[in-house]
Protein backbone atom coordinates (compact mmCIF):
# COMPACT_ATOMS: atom_id res chain seq x y z
CA MET A 1 -0.29 -0.09 0.07
CA PRO A 2 1.27 3.80 -1.00
CA GLY A 3 3.00 5.38 2.26
CA LYS A 4 2.48 8.79 3.26
CA MET A 5 4.76 10.32 4.87
CA ALA A 6 8.03 13.52 4.45
CA VAL A 7 10.17 12.83 1.88
CA ALA A 8 13.67 13.66 1.81
CA LYS A 9 15.30 15.57 -1.26
CA GLY A 10 18.06 15.00 -3.54
CA ILE A 11 20.27 12.00 -4.05
CA GLY A 12 21.53 11.94 -0.38
CA PRO A 13 19.26 10.37 1.54
CA ARG A 14 19.04 7.60 -1.87
CA ASP A 15 22.60 7.29 -2.27
CA THR A 16 22.42 5.81 1.53
CA VAL A 17 19.74 3.16 0.20
CA LEU A 18 21.53 2.11 -2.74
CA ASP A 19 24.40 1.87 -0.29
CA ILE A 20 22.56 -0.43 2.57
CA LEU A 21 20.63 -2.81 -0.71
CA LEU A 22 23.54 -3.34 -2.41
CA ARG A 23 25.74 -4.51 1.41
CA GLN A 24 22.68 -6.38 2.55
CA GLU A 25 22.00 -8.34 -0.82
CA LYS A 26 25.78 -8.90 -1.31
CA THR A 27 26.75 -10.20 2.44
CA GLY A 28 23.53 -11.24 3.88
CA GLU A 29 23.67 -9.35 6.75
CA LYS A 30 20.40 -8.00 8.47
CA LEU A 31 18.96 -4.88 7.19
CA ASN A 32 18.05 -3.38 9.98
CA GLU A 33 21.66 -3.38 12.00
CA LEU A 34 22.49 -2.13 8.12
CA ILE A 35 20.04 1.19 8.42
CA ASN A 36 20.99 1.53 12.49
CA ARG A 37 24.87 1.22 11.42
CA SER A 38 24.53 3.67 8.03
CA LEU A 39 22.11 5.74 10.57
CA ALA A 40 24.68 6.48 13.19
CA SER A 41 27.82 7.44 10.66
CA GLU A 42 26.27 9.30 9.14
CA LYS A 43 25.30 12.73 11.60
CA SER A 44 24.39 15.33 8.81
CA PHE A 45 20.96 14.17 7.94
CA ASP A 46 17.67 15.67 9.62
CA ALA A 47 14.69 13.44 11.11
CA ARG A 48 12.91 13.46 7.64
CA ASP A 49 15.93 12.36 5.48
CA ARG A 50 16.78 9.65 8.41
CA ALA A 51 12.78 8.93 8.41
CA PHE A 52 12.88 8.26 4.78
CA ILE A 53 15.83 6.44 4.31
CA LYS A 54 15.00 3.48 6.90
CA HIS A 55 11.26 3.52 4.89
CA LEU A 56 12.88 3.33 1.52
CA SER A 57 14.75 0.72 2.45
CA GLU A 58 13.00 -1.59 4.32
CA GLY A 59 10.05 -0.97 2.01
CA THR A 60 12.47 -2.33 -1.21
CA VAL A 61 13.94 -5.04 0.51
CA GLU A 62 10.38 -6.35 1.43
CA ARG A 63 9.04 -6.02 -1.79
CA ARG A 64 11.73 -7.38 -3.73
CA ILE A 65 10.52 -9.99 -5.47
CA THR A 66 7.64 -7.96 -6.79
CA LEU A 67 9.26 -5.50 -7.32
CA ASP A 68 11.89 -7.13 -9.92
CA HIS A 69 8.91 -8.97 -11.52
CA VAL A 70 7.57 -5.49 -12.70
CA ILE A 71 10.96 -4.68 -13.48
CA ASP A 72 11.43 -7.80 -15.45
CA ARG A 73 8.39 -6.83 -17.37
CA PHE A 74 9.73 -3.61 -18.72
CA SER A 75 13.05 -4.15 -19.04
CA ASN A 76 14.59 -6.30 -21.68
CA VAL A 77 17.58 -7.23 -19.83
CA LYS A 78 16.15 -9.27 -16.89
CA THR A 79 17.25 -8.20 -13.06
CA GLY A 80 19.12 -11.56 -12.62
CA LYS A 81 21.70 -10.42 -15.43
CA MET A 82 22.03 -6.77 -14.70
CA LYS A 83 24.86 -5.20 -12.78
CA PRO A 84 24.10 -5.09 -8.90
CA VAL A 85 23.93 -0.97 -8.73
CA ILE A 86 21.76 -0.81 -11.43
CA ARG A 87 19.53 -3.37 -10.35
CA ASN A 88 19.13 -1.62 -6.94
CA ILE A 89 18.60 1.66 -8.26
CA LEU A 90 16.10 0.25 -10.31
CA ARG A 91 14.49 -1.66 -7.36
CA LEU A 92 14.31 1.28 -4.91
CA GLY A 93 13.00 3.76 -8.38
CA THR A 94 9.95 1.54 -8.41
CA TYR A 95 9.47 1.21 -5.27
CA GLU A 96 9.05 4.74 -5.32
CA LEU A 97 6.83 4.95 -8.08
CA LEU A 98 4.39 2.14 -7.23
CA PHE A 99 4.39 2.35 -3.73
CA MET A 100 5.19 5.93 -1.94
CA ASP A 101 2.60 8.51 -4.08
CA SER A 102 3.68 11.30 -1.97
CA VAL A 103 7.41 11.23 -4.03
CA PRO A 104 6.73 12.88 -7.65
CA SER A 105 7.50 10.61 -10.31
CA ARG A 106 9.77 13.15 -12.45
CA ALA A 107 12.37 13.11 -8.73
CA VAL A 108 11.35 9.84 -8.62
CA ILE A 109 13.48 9.53 -12.15
CA SER A 110 16.13 12.11 -12.22
CA THR A 111 17.21 11.35 -9.11
CA SER A 112 18.30 7.60 -9.83
CA VAL A 113 19.45 8.53 -13.53
CA GLU A 114 21.66 10.72 -11.39
CA LEU A 115 23.30 7.67 -8.58
CA ALA A 116 22.96 5.63 -12.00
CA LYS A 117 26.45 8.58 -13.02
CA LYS A 118 27.28 8.90 -9.54
CA ARG A 119 28.15 5.27 -9.33
CA HIS A 120 29.92 5.30 -12.90
CA PHE A 121 27.14 3.54 -14.80
CA GLY A 122 26.21 6.76 -16.91
CA THR A 123 26.51 4.73 -19.33
CA LEU A 124 23.27 2.97 -18.41
CA SER A 125 21.71 6.23 -17.15
CA GLY A 126 18.99 6.03 -20.29
CA PHE A 127 19.04 2.27 -20.05
CA VAL A 128 17.41 2.96 -15.97
CA ASN A 129 15.65 6.23 -17.38
CA ALA A 130 13.75 4.20 -20.08
CA VAL A 131 12.58 1.30 -17.66
CA LEU A 132 11.27 3.69 -14.91
CA ARG A 133 8.97 6.27 -17.22
CA THR A 134 7.57 3.09 -19.03
CA ILE A 135 6.65 1.55 -15.51
CA ASP A 136 5.35 5.19 -14.30
CA ARG A 137 3.34 5.39 -17.98
CA GLU A 138 1.86 1.90 -17.46
CA ARG A 139 1.70 1.64 -13.54
CA PRO A 140 1.36 -1.97 -13.73
CA ASP A 141 -0.85 -3.63 -10.79
CA THR A 142 0.86 -4.85 -8.72
CA TYR A 143 -1.75 -7.56 -7.34
CA GLU A 144 -3.03 -8.13 -11.26
CA THR A 145 -1.29 -11.68 -10.70
CA GLU A 146 -2.51 -14.89 -9.69
CA GLU A 147 0.98 -15.84 -8.16
CA LEU A 148 1.11 -15.65 -4.56
CA SER A 149 4.77 -15.14 -4.45
CA VAL A 150 5.01 -12.08 -6.78
CA ARG A 151 2.05 -10.48 -5.39
CA TYR A 152 2.92 -10.73 -1.87
CA SER A 153 6.47 -10.84 -2.20
CA PHE A 154 7.07 -14.26 -0.42
CA PRO A 155 9.58 -16.88 -1.56
CA ALA A 156 7.80 -19.20 -3.43
CA TRP A 157 8.34 -22.22 -0.77
CA ILE A 158 7.00 -20.38 1.95
CA CYS A 159 3.82 -19.63 0.25
CA GLU A 160 3.33 -23.42 -0.15
CA LEU A 161 4.66 -23.77 3.70
CA PHE A 162 1.65 -21.47 4.52
CA ILE A 163 -0.80 -22.60 1.89
CA ARG A 164 -0.27 -26.37 3.31
CA GLU A 165 -0.45 -25.17 6.72
CA PHE A 166 -3.30 -22.79 7.11
CA GLY A 167 -5.29 -23.04 3.60
CA GLU A 168 -4.63 -20.67 0.87
CA LYS A 169 -7.36 -18.20 1.78
CA LYS A 170 -5.57 -17.96 5.38
CA ALA A 171 -1.67 -18.18 4.35
CA GLU A 172 -2.78 -14.80 1.69
CA GLU A 173 -3.84 -13.07 4.87
CA ILE A 174 -1.20 -14.07 6.61
CA MET A 175 1.33 -12.91 3.53
CA SER A 176 -0.67 -9.27 3.00
CA ALA A 177 -0.81 -8.88 6.93
CA SER A 178 3.35 -9.21 6.74
CA LEU A 179 3.28 -6.05 4.53
CA GLY A 180 3.57 -2.47 5.04
CA SER A 181 4.12 -0.63 8.06
CA ARG A 182 3.72 -1.89 11.78
CA PRO A 183 2.31 -0.62 14.47
CA VAL A 184 4.91 0.33 17.87
CA TYR A 185 4.38 -0.92 20.71
CA ILE A 186 5.32 -0.07 24.50
CA ARG A 187 4.96 -1.38 27.95
CA ASN A 188 4.95 0.70 30.97
CA ASN A 189 7.49 -0.05 33.47
CA ILE A 190 4.98 -0.68 36.57
CA LEU A 191 7.50 -0.40 39.16
CA LYS A 192 7.72 3.06 38.15
CA GLN A 193 4.33 4.57 37.08
CA GLY A 194 0.86 3.96 35.50
CA ARG A 195 -0.06 3.78 32.11
CA ASP A 196 -2.20 6.15 32.53
CA GLU A 197 1.37 8.89 33.94
CA LEU A 198 3.39 7.50 30.77
CA GLN A 199 0.50 8.44 28.49
CA GLN A 200 0.83 11.86 29.53
CA LEU A 201 4.07 12.44 29.87
CA LEU A 202 4.13 10.69 26.51
CA SER A 203 1.83 13.48 25.51
CA ASN A 204 3.50 16.04 26.79
CA GLU A 205 6.78 15.31 24.27
CA GLY A 206 3.84 15.15 21.67
CA VAL A 207 3.77 11.44 21.21
CA THR A 208 0.03 9.63 20.18
CA ALA A 209 0.13 7.19 22.91
CA ILE A 210 -3.02 4.94 22.77
CA PRO A 211 -3.97 2.76 25.44
CA LEU A 212 -4.69 -1.25 23.97
CA LYS A 213 -7.91 -2.75 25.76
CA ASP A 214 -6.59 -6.78 26.01
CA HIS A 215 -3.16 -5.30 27.77
CA GLU A 216 -3.80 -3.38 30.74
CA ASN A 217 0.13 -1.96 30.69
CA ALA A 218 0.22 -1.57 26.22
CA LEU A 219 0.44 1.62 24.74
CA GLU A 220 0.50 2.03 20.83
CA ILE A 221 2.98 4.73 19.98
CA ARG A 222 3.08 7.47 16.92
CA ASP A 223 4.46 10.42 16.16
CA PHE A 224 7.38 9.97 18.19
CA GLY A 225 10.61 10.46 15.72
CA ASP A 226 14.07 8.23 17.76
CA ILE A 227 12.33 6.33 20.24
CA THR A 228 15.68 6.45 22.37
CA GLU A 229 15.71 10.36 22.73
CA LEU A 230 12.50 10.67 24.27
CA LYS A 231 12.68 11.10 28.10
CA GLY A 232 10.65 8.28 29.44
CA TYR A 233 12.34 6.02 27.35
CA ARG A 234 16.22 7.44 28.98
CA GLU A 235 14.24 7.01 32.33
CA GLY A 236 13.65 3.66 32.07
CA LEU A 237 9.27 4.30 31.91
CA PHE A 238 8.51 1.89 29.15
CA SER A 239 10.05 -0.88 26.84
CA VAL A 240 9.23 -1.49 23.05
CA GLN A 241 7.25 -4.74 23.18
CA ASP A 242 5.07 -6.30 20.85
CA ILE A 243 1.76 -7.13 22.60
CA SER A 244 2.34 -11.08 21.23
CA SER A 245 5.68 -10.93 23.22
CA MET A 246 4.06 -9.12 26.12
CA SER A 247 1.96 -12.47 26.67
CA VAL A 248 4.92 -14.23 27.98
CA GLY A 249 5.13 -12.09 30.75
CA GLU A 250 0.89 -11.96 30.97
CA GLU A 251 1.50 -15.54 31.89
CA ILE A 252 4.16 -15.02 34.23
CA GLY A 253 1.80 -12.74 36.34
CA LYS A 254 -1.15 -14.77 36.26
CA ILE A 255 1.30 -17.69 37.66
CA ILE A 256 2.65 -15.27 40.20
CA SER A 257 -0.86 -13.89 41.41
CA GLU A 258 -2.16 -17.80 41.83
CA ARG A 259 0.72 -19.00 43.25
CA LYS A 260 1.24 -16.08 45.94
CA PRO A 261 5.43 -17.34 46.82
CA GLU A 262 7.16 -16.15 49.12
CA SER A 263 10.09 -16.57 47.11
CA PHE A 264 10.89 -17.41 43.09
CA PHE A 265 13.59 -17.94 40.84
CA ILE A 266 13.16 -17.78 36.96
CA ILE A 267 15.79 -18.88 34.51
CA ASP A 268 15.55 -17.02 30.88
CA VAL A 269 17.52 -19.54 28.77
CA CYS A 270 18.00 -17.51 25.57
CA ALA A 271 17.08 -14.37 26.68
CA SER A 272 18.74 -11.44 24.82
CA PRO A 273 17.82 -9.25 23.97
CA GLY A 274 16.18 -9.25 27.34
CA GLY A 275 12.16 -8.17 26.69
CA LYS A 276 11.02 -10.99 28.18
CA SER A 277 13.10 -11.18 31.41
CA CYS A 278 12.97 -7.54 32.16
CA HIS A 279 9.43 -8.11 32.22
CA ALA A 280 8.93 -10.89 34.43
CA ALA A 281 11.78 -9.07 36.62
CA GLU A 282 9.26 -6.20 36.88
CA ILE A 283 6.50 -8.17 37.36
CA LEU A 284 8.33 -10.00 40.70
CA MET A 285 10.17 -6.75 41.80
CA LYS A 286 6.27 -5.13 41.70
CA TYR A 287 4.68 -8.47 43.41
CA ALA A 288 7.40 -8.66 46.25
CA SER A 289 6.78 -4.38 46.86
CA ASP A 290 3.24 -4.73 46.97
CA ARG A 291 3.76 -7.35 50.04
CA GLY A 292 6.08 -5.99 52.06
CA LEU A 293 8.55 -8.74 50.90
CA SER A 294 12.31 -8.42 50.52
CA VAL A 295 13.42 -8.91 46.91
CA GLU A 296 16.96 -9.86 47.83
CA ASN A 297 17.54 -13.95 47.75
CA ARG A 298 14.00 -14.29 47.69
CA PHE A 299 13.15 -13.14 44.07
CA SER A 300 15.80 -13.56 41.37
CA LEU A 301 15.70 -14.36 37.37
CA LEU A 302 18.89 -15.36 35.76
CA SER A 303 19.32 -14.15 31.93
CA ARG A 304 21.45 -16.21 29.79
CA ASP A 305 22.67 -16.88 25.72
CA LEU A 306 25.46 -17.59 24.03
CA SER A 307 27.55 -14.71 24.35
CA GLN A 308 28.44 -11.73 26.26
CA SER A 309 27.91 -9.36 23.67
CA LYS A 310 24.25 -11.02 23.44
CA LEU A 311 24.63 -10.47 27.40
CA GLU A 312 25.13 -6.84 27.00
CA ARG A 313 22.16 -5.81 25.63
CA ILE A 314 20.46 -8.06 28.19
CA MET A 315 22.62 -5.17 30.71
CA GLU A 316 21.42 -2.36 29.17
CA ASN A 317 17.69 -2.52 29.18
CA ARG A 318 18.05 -3.67 32.86
CA ASP A 319 20.09 -0.75 34.05
CA ARG A 320 18.09 1.77 32.25
CA LEU A 321 14.37 -0.12 33.55
CA GLY A 322 16.28 -0.42 37.25
CA LEU A 323 15.74 -3.84 37.26
CA ASP A 324 18.76 -5.24 40.04
CA ILE A 325 17.41 -8.81 40.31
CA ILE A 326 18.44 -9.95 36.85
CA LYS A 327 21.67 -11.51 36.96
CA THR A 328 23.30 -12.81 33.46
CA GLU A 329 25.08 -16.19 32.49
CA VAL A 330 27.14 -16.51 29.51
CA PHE A 331 26.05 -20.61 28.79
CA ASP A 332 24.75 -22.19 25.78
CA ALA A 333 21.46 -23.30 26.82
CA GLU A 334 22.29 -26.40 24.46
CA LYS A 335 24.50 -28.35 27.04
CA ARG A 336 23.14 -30.05 29.69
CA ASP A 337 23.79 -28.29 33.33
CA GLU A 338 24.24 -29.51 35.88
CA ARG A 339 24.87 -27.24 38.24
CA ARG A 340 20.98 -25.93 37.55
CA GLU A 341 19.92 -29.18 38.19
CA GLU A 342 21.00 -28.45 41.76
CA GLU A 343 19.29 -25.08 42.27
CA LYS A 344 16.34 -25.70 40.18
CA ALA A 345 13.80 -22.79 39.23
CA ASP A 346 10.23 -22.12 39.63
CA LEU A 347 9.82 -21.02 36.43
CA ILE A 348 11.64 -21.12 32.78
CA ILE A 349 11.63 -18.57 29.79
CA ALA A 350 12.44 -20.46 26.69
CA ASP A 351 12.29 -18.41 23.78
CA LEU A 352 13.36 -20.14 21.84
CA PRO A 353 15.64 -19.92 18.25
CA CYS A 354 13.23 -20.30 15.41
CA SER A 355 13.02 -19.10 11.33
CA GLY A 356 11.25 -15.61 12.31
CA LEU A 357 7.75 -16.23 10.08
CA GLY A 358 5.70 -14.38 12.22
CA VAL A 359 8.21 -11.23 12.09
CA THR A 360 8.65 -10.78 8.58
CA GLY A 361 6.47 -7.99 8.66
CA ARG A 362 9.01 -5.76 11.35
CA LYS A 363 12.18 -8.00 9.51
CA ASN A 364 11.60 -7.74 6.55
CA ASP A 365 14.77 -9.39 5.20
CA ILE A 366 13.82 -13.15 6.56
CA LYS A 367 12.21 -14.73 4.45
CA TYR A 368 15.22 -14.14 1.52
CA ARG A 369 18.11 -15.45 4.34
CA LEU A 370 16.02 -18.79 4.92
CA LYS A 371 16.03 -21.76 3.73
CA PRO A 372 13.43 -24.48 3.81
CA GLU A 373 15.92 -26.88 5.15
CA ASP A 374 16.68 -24.13 7.76
CA ILE A 375 12.98 -25.29 9.89
CA GLY A 376 14.25 -28.71 10.20
CA SER A 377 17.30 -27.42 11.55
CA LEU A 378 16.07 -25.09 13.95
CA SER A 379 12.94 -27.31 15.58
CA ALA A 380 15.84 -29.72 15.92
CA LEU A 381 17.92 -27.21 17.92
CA GLN A 382 14.88 -26.16 19.87
CA GLY A 383 14.07 -29.82 20.85
CA GLU A 384 18.23 -29.72 22.05
CA ILE A 385 17.77 -27.41 24.46
CA LEU A 386 14.03 -28.62 25.70
CA LYS A 387 15.18 -32.03 26.59
CA ASN A 388 17.42 -30.00 29.38
CA ILE A 389 14.57 -28.16 31.18
CA PRO A 390 12.79 -30.75 33.02
CA ALA A 391 16.05 -31.37 35.07
CA MET A 392 16.66 -27.81 36.03
CA LEU A 393 12.57 -27.26 37.33
CA LYS A 394 10.90 -27.83 40.55
CA LYS A 395 8.34 -30.31 41.43
CA GLY A 396 5.30 -27.42 40.75
CA GLY A 397 7.84 -25.41 38.22
CA TYR A 398 6.39 -24.08 35.07
CA LEU A 399 8.16 -23.76 31.64
CA ILE A 400 7.07 -21.25 28.98
CA PHE A 401 7.67 -22.34 25.46
CA SER A 402 7.38 -19.43 23.12
CA VAL A 403 8.83 -18.75 19.15
CA CYS A 404 8.23 -15.77 17.22
CA THR A 405 6.97 -18.27 14.20
CA ILE A 406 3.83 -19.97 13.31
CA THR A 407 5.48 -23.15 11.25
CA ARG A 408 3.58 -26.39 12.93
CA GLU A 409 7.35 -28.03 13.12
CA GLU A 410 8.05 -25.33 15.84
CA THR A 411 5.17 -24.83 17.19
CA VAL A 412 2.71 -27.44 18.06
CA ALA A 413 4.90 -30.42 17.51
CA GLN A 414 7.56 -29.22 20.33
CA ARG A 415 4.57 -28.90 22.31
CA SER A 416 3.63 -32.52 21.75
CA ARG A 417 7.22 -33.54 22.22
CA MET A 418 7.38 -31.68 25.70
CA GLU A 419 3.57 -33.38 26.91
CA LYS A 420 5.23 -36.68 26.39
CA GLU A 421 7.64 -35.66 29.10
CA PRO A 422 7.20 -36.96 32.58
CA GLY A 423 4.64 -35.10 34.29
CA PHE A 424 4.68 -32.34 32.29
CA THR A 425 1.21 -31.18 31.91
CA LYS A 426 0.30 -28.19 29.31
CA ILE A 427 -1.78 -26.16 30.75
CA SER A 428 -2.04 -22.90 27.94
CA GLU A 429 -1.12 -22.35 25.00
CA LYS A 430 -1.86 -20.05 22.15
CA LEU A 431 -0.87 -19.53 17.96
CA THR A 432 -1.64 -15.67 16.92
CA LEU A 433 -0.69 -15.38 13.38
CA PRO A 434 -0.42 -12.49 11.36
CA GLY A 435 -3.18 -10.34 10.86
CA GLU A 436 -4.60 -11.11 14.02
CA GLY A 437 -3.93 -7.77 15.69
CA SER A 438 0.10 -8.73 16.42
CA ASP A 439 2.90 -10.41 14.64
CA GLY A 440 2.93 -13.89 14.85
CA PHE A 441 3.46 -16.13 17.90
CA TYR A 442 2.82 -18.59 19.80
CA TYR A 443 3.29 -20.35 23.20
CA ALA A 444 2.65 -22.70 25.40
CA VAL A 445 2.71 -23.20 29.22
CA PHE A 446 3.74 -25.91 31.29
CA ARG A 447 3.61 -27.43 34.68
CA MET A 448 6.00 -30.48 35.58
CA GLU A 449 3.98 -32.49 38.47
CA ASP A 450 6.15 -35.06 40.53
CA ARG A 451 8.12 -37.44 38.31
CA SER A 452 8.72 -40.34 40.91
């Protein structure tokens, strides 16, 4: 759907987008990391330019299959045979023409021609001009094709997978919902203020904040610019988190409320960047505070991941939010941990590595980096991690297994596997598909009874 936004002027921002596209195509690096790095290194762009760079980079990658289909239709040289620079100039130019109706066509075409010249492809600038002018004149309907892969810009094998598992109508809804801009959700830090107070503070900063009916601590925010520059963010008054991901913390809140423990120990086995750890820590600390219980030595949370660099992301969030009950530890969740088999946990969060097919709307390049065989290998990895968990849980303890994907092999198949573990009982589960109010997400909650 065409985007309405302030448009950057001149070649500079588009030149940066071209660098991002070329780098991403050559190396396969994560798009969001490339964008963030580019924006951090270039200080001359104003807020409008920066928003434009992000929008154009993400949109061009998101619609890559569709764009190549359109370009191939009007070019005597197919995209697969083009020089990478020309291919990506045409992609970003075509995206602006077809999906950003606030950009004047003449500016798109002339800037694309200038980009070709700047990148030492002046001899092909006429070719760029001709292809884009034809596309602009013909204005092809990108939804006219019956081929879902082209219409929604998903690799054919993913389309086929979705159709097999959900049927054609639901598969089309999933892919359609994964295109375009995504709402940004935040969760207020319950240790510092209520949602109404946070909403007012954000309003004072010119941010539109809309409370969500079914999530008592969640807000959708708009008109916020650089979120890290907001006072509320700097002071640790909120976290950025999709509402699907908040469901893990909400389940923990229910468990704490029902059990009313005097002490509680949580392990988050694959915790980076720390959203679920921080949510759980806030719940524990608020519970202890409300009941006058000492947090020290009685309520704790151990966040683990594979490397110190991953842990640093958790620690940044922990320190910003003021959650000192979170401790961190480098550990490979695939390995057995005899020490934790002695000091067992009351609850384990297992938000595990997965294909990410529930969040392609936010991570536009996942669908291109993923291969069919990755589903099986990721499912096997999940199984290796899950098999170590029973020995780490206390009798009566809980496991919350979650993934930001929607495939059967990575969701209900793993749930079925855990239900076969001695003493494990599923007490709730939920699969949310893209288009059902949030990102695609799955979680299952288990309780471990006496296994003797």
